[in-house]
Amino acid sequence: MQFTAMIVNLIYSIMGGILTLLFMYFGYKWFDKFTDFNTSTELAKDNKAVGLVVMGIFIGVGVAVGLVIGLGLN
């Protein structure tokens, strides 16, 4: 019985990790679409303000989805 719960939690964690990466990717693309500048170009020019905003997107999405994954585990 415990082994089954461990396998279910492992699968849930892997799926959650994949979803987290997908949400981070789409969050970045969404931000890039709605701004007047190209985020990748600004990051290549070492624009620290854009870098901090992108970092905030990744941390915010990661924490939010991570909490959902963590609270869903048995």
C-alpha atoms as a PDB file:
ATOM      1  CA  MET A   1       0.000   0.000   0.000  1.00  0.00           C
ATOM      2  CA  GLN A   2       2.780   2.466   0.863  1.00  0.00           C
ATOM      3  CA  PHE A   3       4.698   1.528  -2.270  1.00  0.00           C
ATOM      4  CA  THR A   4       1.691   2.476  -4.413  1.00  0.00           C
ATOM      5  CA  ALA A   5       1.427   5.844  -2.682  1.00  0.00           C
ATOM      6  CA  MET A   6       5.150   6.433  -3.279  1.00  0.00           C
ATOM      7  CA  ILE A   7       4.794   5.666  -6.993  1.00  0.00           C
ATOM      8  CA  VAL A   8       1.745   7.925  -7.311  1.00  0.00           C
ATOM      9  CA  ASN A   9       3.600  10.741  -5.534  1.00  0.00           C
ATOM     10  CA  LEU A  10       6.638  10.249  -7.774  1.00  0.00           C
ATOM     11  CA  ILE A  11       4.510  10.430 -10.923  1.00  0.00           C
ATOM     12  CA  TYR A  12       2.672  13.459  -9.546  1.00  0.00           C
ATOM     13  CA  SER A  13       5.974  15.192  -8.785  1.00  0.00           C
ATOM     14  CA  ILE A  14       7.399  14.489 -12.237  1.00  0.00           C
ATOM     15  CA  MET A  15       4.242  15.758 -13.936  1.00  0.00           C
ATOM     16  CA  GLY A  16       4.284  18.812 -11.683  1.00  0.00           C
ATOM     17  CA  GLY A  17       7.896  19.530 -12.567  1.00  0.00           C
ATOM     18  CA  ILE A  18       7.129  19.315 -16.264  1.00  0.00           C
ATOM     19  CA  LEU A  19       4.102  21.571 -15.829  1.00  0.00           C
ATOM     20  CA  THR A  20       6.218  24.051 -13.881  1.00  0.00           C
ATOM     21  CA  LEU A  21       8.737  24.256 -16.710  1.00  0.00           C
ATOM     22  CA  LEU A  22       5.947  24.676 -19.265  1.00  0.00           C
ATOM     23  CA  PHE A  23       4.327  27.468 -17.233  1.00  0.00           C
ATOM     24  CA  MET A  24       7.701  29.204 -16.888  1.00  0.00           C
ATOM     25  CA  TYR A  25       8.273  28.961 -20.636  1.00  0.00           C
ATOM     26  CA  PHE A  26       4.823  30.295 -21.503  1.00  0.00           C
ATOM     27  CA  GLY A  27       5.088  33.006 -18.839  1.00  0.00           C
ATOM     28  CA  TYR A  28       8.321  34.190 -20.437  1.00  0.00           C
ATOM     29  CA  LYS A  29       6.790  34.098 -23.930  1.00  0.00           C
ATOM     30  CA  TRP A  30       3.679  35.933 -22.688  1.00  0.00           C
ATOM     31  CA  PHE A  31       5.849  38.638 -21.116  1.00  0.00           C
ATOM     32  CA  ASP A  32       7.879  38.911 -24.328  1.00  0.00           C
ATOM     33  CA  LYS A  33       4.715  39.201 -26.427  1.00  0.00           C
ATOM     34  CA  PHE A  34       3.137  42.010 -24.407  1.00  0.00           C
ATOM     35  CA  THR A  35       6.199  44.227 -23.989  1.00  0.00           C
ATOM     36  CA  ASP A  36       7.371  46.754 -26.568  1.00  0.00           C
ATOM     37  CA  PHE A  37      10.891  45.321 -26.667  1.00  0.00           C
ATOM     38  CA  ASN A  38      12.442  41.958 -27.420  1.00  0.00           C
ATOM     39  CA  THR A  39      13.299  40.356 -24.095  1.00  0.00           C
ATOM     40  CA  SER A  40      16.011  38.085 -25.502  1.00  0.00           C
ATOM     41  CA  THR A  41      17.771  41.029 -27.163  1.00  0.00           C
ATOM     42  CA  GLU A  42      17.624  43.094 -23.987  1.00  0.00           C
ATOM     43  CA  LEU A  43      19.018  40.206 -21.955  1.00  0.00           C
ATOM     44  CA  ALA A  44      21.826  39.799 -24.495  1.00  0.00           C
ATOM     45  CA  LYS A  45      22.624  43.524 -24.057  1.00  0.00           C
ATOM     46  CA  ASP A  46      22.955  42.853 -20.293  1.00  0.00           C
ATOM     47  CA  ASN A  47      19.876  44.867 -19.334  1.00  0.00           C
ATOM     48  CA  LYS A  48      19.673  44.175 -15.613  1.00  0.00           C
ATOM     49  CA  ALA A  49      16.123  45.513 -15.211  1.00  0.00           C
ATOM     50  CA  VAL A  50      14.747  43.060 -17.759  1.00  0.00           C
ATOM     51  CA  GLY A  51      16.801  40.296 -16.162  1.00  0.00           C
ATOM     52  CA  LEU A  52      15.284  41.024 -12.772  1.00  0.00           C
ATOM     53  CA  VAL A  53      11.763  40.981 -14.187  1.00  0.00           C
ATOM     54  CA  VAL A  54      12.386  37.653 -15.937  1.00  0.00           C
ATOM     55  CA  MET A  55      13.885  36.293 -12.719  1.00  0.00           C
ATOM     56  CA  GLY A  56      10.749  37.410 -10.877  1.00  0.00           C
ATOM     57  CA  ILE A  57       8.554  35.621 -13.417  1.00  0.00           C
ATOM     58  CA  PHE A  58      10.503  32.381 -13.000  1.00  0.00           C
ATOM     59  CA  ILE A  59      10.557  32.570  -9.204  1.00  0.00           C
ATOM     60  CA  GLY A  60       6.879  33.511  -8.955  1.00  0.00           C
ATOM     61  CA  VAL A  61       5.665  30.762 -11.261  1.00  0.00           C
ATOM     62  CA  GLY A  62       8.039  28.243  -9.684  1.00  0.00           C
ATOM     63  CA  VAL A  63       6.893  28.991  -6.145  1.00  0.00           C
ATOM     64  CA  ALA A  64       3.203  28.971  -7.077  1.00  0.00           C
ATOM     65  CA  VAL A  65       3.321  25.694  -8.978  1.00  0.00           C
ATOM     66  CA  GLY A  66       5.712  24.196  -6.431  1.00  0.00           C
ATOM     67  CA  LEU A  67       3.232  24.890  -3.656  1.00  0.00           C
ATOM     68  CA  VAL A  68       0.481  23.220  -5.641  1.00  0.00           C
ATOM     69  CA  ILE A  69       2.689  20.168  -6.142  1.00  0.00           C
ATOM     70  CA  GLY A  70       3.779  20.103  -2.508  1.00  0.00           C
ATOM     71  CA  LEU A  71       0.280  20.427  -1.134  1.00  0.00           C
ATOM     72  CA  GLY A  72      -0.972  17.706  -3.451  1.00  0.00           C
ATOM     73  CA  LEU A  73       1.504  15.098  -2.207  1.00  0.00           C
ATOM     74  CA  ASN A  74       0.355  12.682   0.468  1.00  0.00           C
END
